[in-house]
Amino acid sequence: MAKNQMYQIGDIFYSSWGYEQTNVTFWQIVKLTEKTAWFRPIKKQSVESYTSMSGKTIPLPNEFTDYPLAKTKDSIVRKRINLEHPNEFYGTDGWNTFYRYNGQPVYESSYY
């Protein structure tokens, strides 16, 4: 295990982005070193519906899935650790900015 007290393999983060809708993807740390975390997307489950197109969702740990925007083997995304921002991993696009999951359902919506 890496000499990193801020993170552990299995920790869950999520990305939330969109223009006309709020897309949510959950990510689980699958590999960890002192300076880098590797994330793999996991499935989610709707737990609350507000309308037919919006509600809240939770992650399903260890139930890995693919994420086409990642464009990597097994959709694994590598992120550099920044200890000044331990609850976020910033990306160049909305889909790859990750926020630490706090155990509460996350809002999502879809208009399609």
C-alpha atoms as a PDB file:
ATOM      1  CA  MET A   1       0.000   0.000   0.000  1.00  0.00           C
ATOM      2  CA  ALA A   2       1.206   3.479  -0.804  1.00  0.00           C
ATOM      3  CA  LYS A   3       2.355   5.895   1.881  1.00  0.00           C
ATOM      4  CA  ASN A   4      -0.759   7.904   1.368  1.00  0.00           C
ATOM      5  CA  GLN A   5      -3.130   8.536   4.263  1.00  0.00           C
ATOM      6  CA  MET A   6      -5.693  10.572   2.307  1.00  0.00           C
ATOM      7  CA  TYR A   7      -6.864   7.768   0.028  1.00  0.00           C
ATOM      8  CA  GLN A   8      -7.397   4.021  -0.006  1.00  0.00           C
ATOM      9  CA  ILE A   9      -8.080   1.499  -2.725  1.00  0.00           C
ATOM     10  CA  GLY A  10     -11.868   1.258  -2.889  1.00  0.00           C
ATOM     11  CA  ASP A  11     -12.544   4.943  -2.167  1.00  0.00           C
ATOM     12  CA  ILE A  12     -15.366   6.288  -4.331  1.00  0.00           C
ATOM     13  CA  PHE A  13     -15.528   9.593  -6.194  1.00  0.00           C
ATOM     14  CA  TYR A  14     -18.036  10.868  -8.746  1.00  0.00           C
ATOM     15  CA  SER A  15     -18.193  13.193 -11.710  1.00  0.00           C
ATOM     16  CA  SER A  16     -21.223  15.388 -12.330  1.00  0.00           C
ATOM     17  CA  TRP A  17     -21.506  17.416 -15.492  1.00  0.00           C
ATOM     18  CA  GLY A  18     -23.770  18.436 -18.331  1.00  0.00           C
ATOM     19  CA  TYR A  19     -25.501  21.328 -20.025  1.00  0.00           C
ATOM     20  CA  GLU A  20     -29.171  20.365 -20.465  1.00  0.00           C
ATOM     21  CA  GLN A  21     -28.906  17.429 -18.092  1.00  0.00           C
ATOM     22  CA  THR A  22     -26.788  16.361 -15.125  1.00  0.00           C
ATOM     23  CA  ASN A  23     -24.721  13.283 -15.914  1.00  0.00           C
ATOM     24  CA  VAL A  24     -23.294  11.379 -12.942  1.00  0.00           C
ATOM     25  CA  THR A  25     -20.612   8.706 -13.081  1.00  0.00           C
ATOM     26  CA  PHE A  26     -19.145   7.021 -10.021  1.00  0.00           C
ATOM     27  CA  TRP A  27     -15.449   6.101  -9.924  1.00  0.00           C
ATOM     28  CA  GLN A  28     -13.601   3.754  -7.585  1.00  0.00           C
ATOM     29  CA  ILE A  29      -9.875   3.865  -6.806  1.00  0.00           C
ATOM     30  CA  VAL A  30      -8.391   0.586  -8.050  1.00  0.00           C
ATOM     31  CA  LYS A  31      -4.672   1.367  -7.754  1.00  0.00           C
ATOM     32  CA  LEU A  32      -2.789   3.859  -5.636  1.00  0.00           C
ATOM     33  CA  THR A  33       0.742   5.144  -5.272  1.00  0.00           C
ATOM     34  CA  GLU A  34       2.070   8.057  -3.262  1.00  0.00           C
ATOM     35  CA  LYS A  35       1.455  10.507  -6.125  1.00  0.00           C
ATOM     36  CA  THR A  36      -1.157   8.874  -8.376  1.00  0.00           C
ATOM     37  CA  ALA A  37      -4.625   7.332  -8.108  1.00  0.00           C
ATOM     38  CA  TRP A  38      -6.185   5.106 -10.776  1.00  0.00           C
ATOM     39  CA  PHE A  39      -9.981   5.188 -11.068  1.00  0.00           C
ATOM     40  CA  ARG A  40     -12.353   2.774 -12.749  1.00  0.00           C
ATOM     41  CA  PRO A  41     -16.047   3.551 -13.367  1.00  0.00           C
ATOM     42  CA  ILE A  42     -18.638   1.616 -11.393  1.00  0.00           C
ATOM     43  CA  LYS A  43     -22.338   1.051 -11.903  1.00  0.00           C
ATOM     44  CA  LYS A  44     -24.988   3.112 -10.152  1.00  0.00           C
ATOM     45  CA  GLN A  45     -28.525   2.589  -8.910  1.00  0.00           C
ATOM     46  CA  SER A  46     -31.410   5.057  -8.824  1.00  0.00           C
ATOM     47  CA  VAL A  47     -32.776   5.386  -5.301  1.00  0.00           C
ATOM     48  CA  GLU A  48     -35.152   8.322  -5.570  1.00  0.00           C
ATOM     49  CA  SER A  49     -37.199   9.751  -8.450  1.00  0.00           C
ATOM     50  CA  TYR A  50     -38.496  13.301  -8.666  1.00  0.00           C
ATOM     51  CA  THR A  51     -39.846  13.013 -12.212  1.00  0.00           C
ATOM     52  CA  SER A  52     -39.436  10.496 -15.000  1.00  0.00           C
ATOM     53  CA  MET A  53     -36.251  12.374 -15.929  1.00  0.00           C
ATOM     54  CA  SER A  54     -34.628  13.260 -12.593  1.00  0.00           C
ATOM     55  CA  GLY A  55     -33.757  11.773  -9.252  1.00  0.00           C
ATOM     56  CA  LYS A  56     -30.906  10.601  -7.082  1.00  0.00           C
ATOM     57  CA  THR A  57     -28.426   7.789  -7.548  1.00  0.00           C
ATOM     58  CA  ILE A  58     -25.867   5.858  -5.490  1.00  0.00           C
ATOM     59  CA  PRO A  59     -22.747   3.890  -6.481  1.00  0.00           C
ATOM     60  CA  LEU A  60     -22.515   0.108  -6.607  1.00  0.00           C
ATOM     61  CA  PRO A  61     -18.969  -0.573  -5.329  1.00  0.00           C
ATOM     62  CA  ASN A  62     -16.891  -3.171  -7.169  1.00  0.00           C
ATOM     63  CA  GLU A  63     -19.456  -3.454  -9.993  1.00  0.00           C
ATOM     64  CA  PHE A  64     -17.205  -2.112 -12.731  1.00  0.00           C
ATOM     65  CA  THR A  65     -18.470  -0.833 -16.050  1.00  0.00           C
ATOM     66  CA  ASP A  66     -17.145   0.903 -19.162  1.00  0.00           C
ATOM     67  CA  TYR A  67     -17.104   4.633 -19.776  1.00  0.00           C
ATOM     68  CA  PRO A  68     -16.549   5.505 -23.456  1.00  0.00           C
ATOM     69  CA  LEU A  69     -15.305   9.053 -22.821  1.00  0.00           C
ATOM     70  CA  ALA A  70     -12.322   7.664 -20.895  1.00  0.00           C
ATOM     71  CA  LYS A  71     -10.913   6.108 -24.102  1.00  0.00           C
ATOM     72  CA  THR A  72      -8.572   3.860 -22.084  1.00  0.00           C
ATOM     73  CA  LYS A  73      -8.261   0.135 -21.375  1.00  0.00           C
ATOM     74  CA  ASP A  74     -11.063  -0.884 -18.986  1.00  0.00           C
ATOM     75  CA  SER A  75     -11.981   2.838 -18.825  1.00  0.00           C
ATOM     76  CA  ILE A  76      -9.303   3.345 -16.156  1.00  0.00           C
ATOM     77  CA  VAL A  77      -8.391   6.996 -15.582  1.00  0.00           C
ATOM     78  CA  ARG A  78      -5.163   8.036 -13.882  1.00  0.00           C
ATOM     79  CA  LYS A  79      -5.120  11.194 -11.734  1.00  0.00           C
ATOM     80  CA  ARG A  80      -2.253  12.997 -10.050  1.00  0.00           C
ATOM     81  CA  ILE A  81      -2.799  13.485  -6.305  1.00  0.00           C
ATOM     82  CA  ASN A  82      -2.885  17.087  -5.076  1.00  0.00           C
ATOM     83  CA  LEU A  83      -2.930  17.085  -1.272  1.00  0.00           C
ATOM     84  CA  GLU A  84      -4.088  20.721  -1.239  1.00  0.00           C
ATOM     85  CA  HIS A  85      -7.400  19.499  -2.722  1.00  0.00           C
ATOM     86  CA  PRO A  86      -7.904  16.024  -1.200  1.00  0.00           C
ATOM     87  CA  ASN A  87     -11.603  15.812  -2.099  1.00  0.00           C
ATOM     88  CA  GLU A  88     -11.285  16.696  -5.778  1.00  0.00           C
ATOM     89  CA  PHE A  89      -9.335  15.490  -8.777  1.00  0.00           C
ATOM     90  CA  TYR A  90      -9.540  18.099 -11.511  1.00  0.00           C
ATOM     91  CA  GLY A  91      -9.722  17.290 -15.196  1.00  0.00           C
ATOM     92  CA  THR A  92      -9.784  19.184 -18.455  1.00  0.00           C
ATOM     93  CA  ASP A  93     -13.444  18.304 -19.111  1.00  0.00           C
ATOM     94  CA  GLY A  94     -16.455  18.133 -16.796  1.00  0.00           C
ATOM     95  CA  TRP A  95     -16.703  14.363 -17.051  1.00  0.00           C
ATOM     96  CA  ASN A  96     -13.201  13.879 -15.647  1.00  0.00           C
ATOM     97  CA  THR A  97     -13.321  16.172 -12.637  1.00  0.00           C
ATOM     98  CA  PHE A  98     -13.940  13.857  -9.679  1.00  0.00           C
ATOM     99  CA  TYR A  99     -15.397  14.726  -6.265  1.00  0.00           C
ATOM    100  CA  ARG A 100     -15.175  12.547  -3.156  1.00  0.00           C
ATOM    101  CA  TYR A 101     -18.432  10.663  -2.586  1.00  0.00           C
ATOM    102  CA  ASN A 102     -19.823  11.419   0.885  1.00  0.00           C
ATOM    103  CA  GLY A 103     -22.266   8.504   1.113  1.00  0.00           C
ATOM    104  CA  GLN A 104     -25.354  10.557   0.192  1.00  0.00           C
ATOM    105  CA  PRO A 105     -27.371  10.026  -3.012  1.00  0.00           C
ATOM    106  CA  VAL A 106     -26.314  12.318  -5.880  1.00  0.00           C
ATOM    107  CA  TYR A 107     -28.770  14.259  -8.070  1.00  0.00           C
ATOM    108  CA  GLU A 108     -28.909  13.455 -11.788  1.00  0.00           C
ATOM    109  CA  SER A 109     -31.245  14.304 -14.635  1.00  0.00           C
ATOM    110  CA  SER A 110     -31.862  13.333 -18.232  1.00  0.00           C
ATOM    111  CA  TYR A 111     -33.929  14.978 -20.917  1.00  0.00           C
ATOM    112  CA  TYR A 112     -33.554  12.266 -23.569  1.00  0.00           C
END
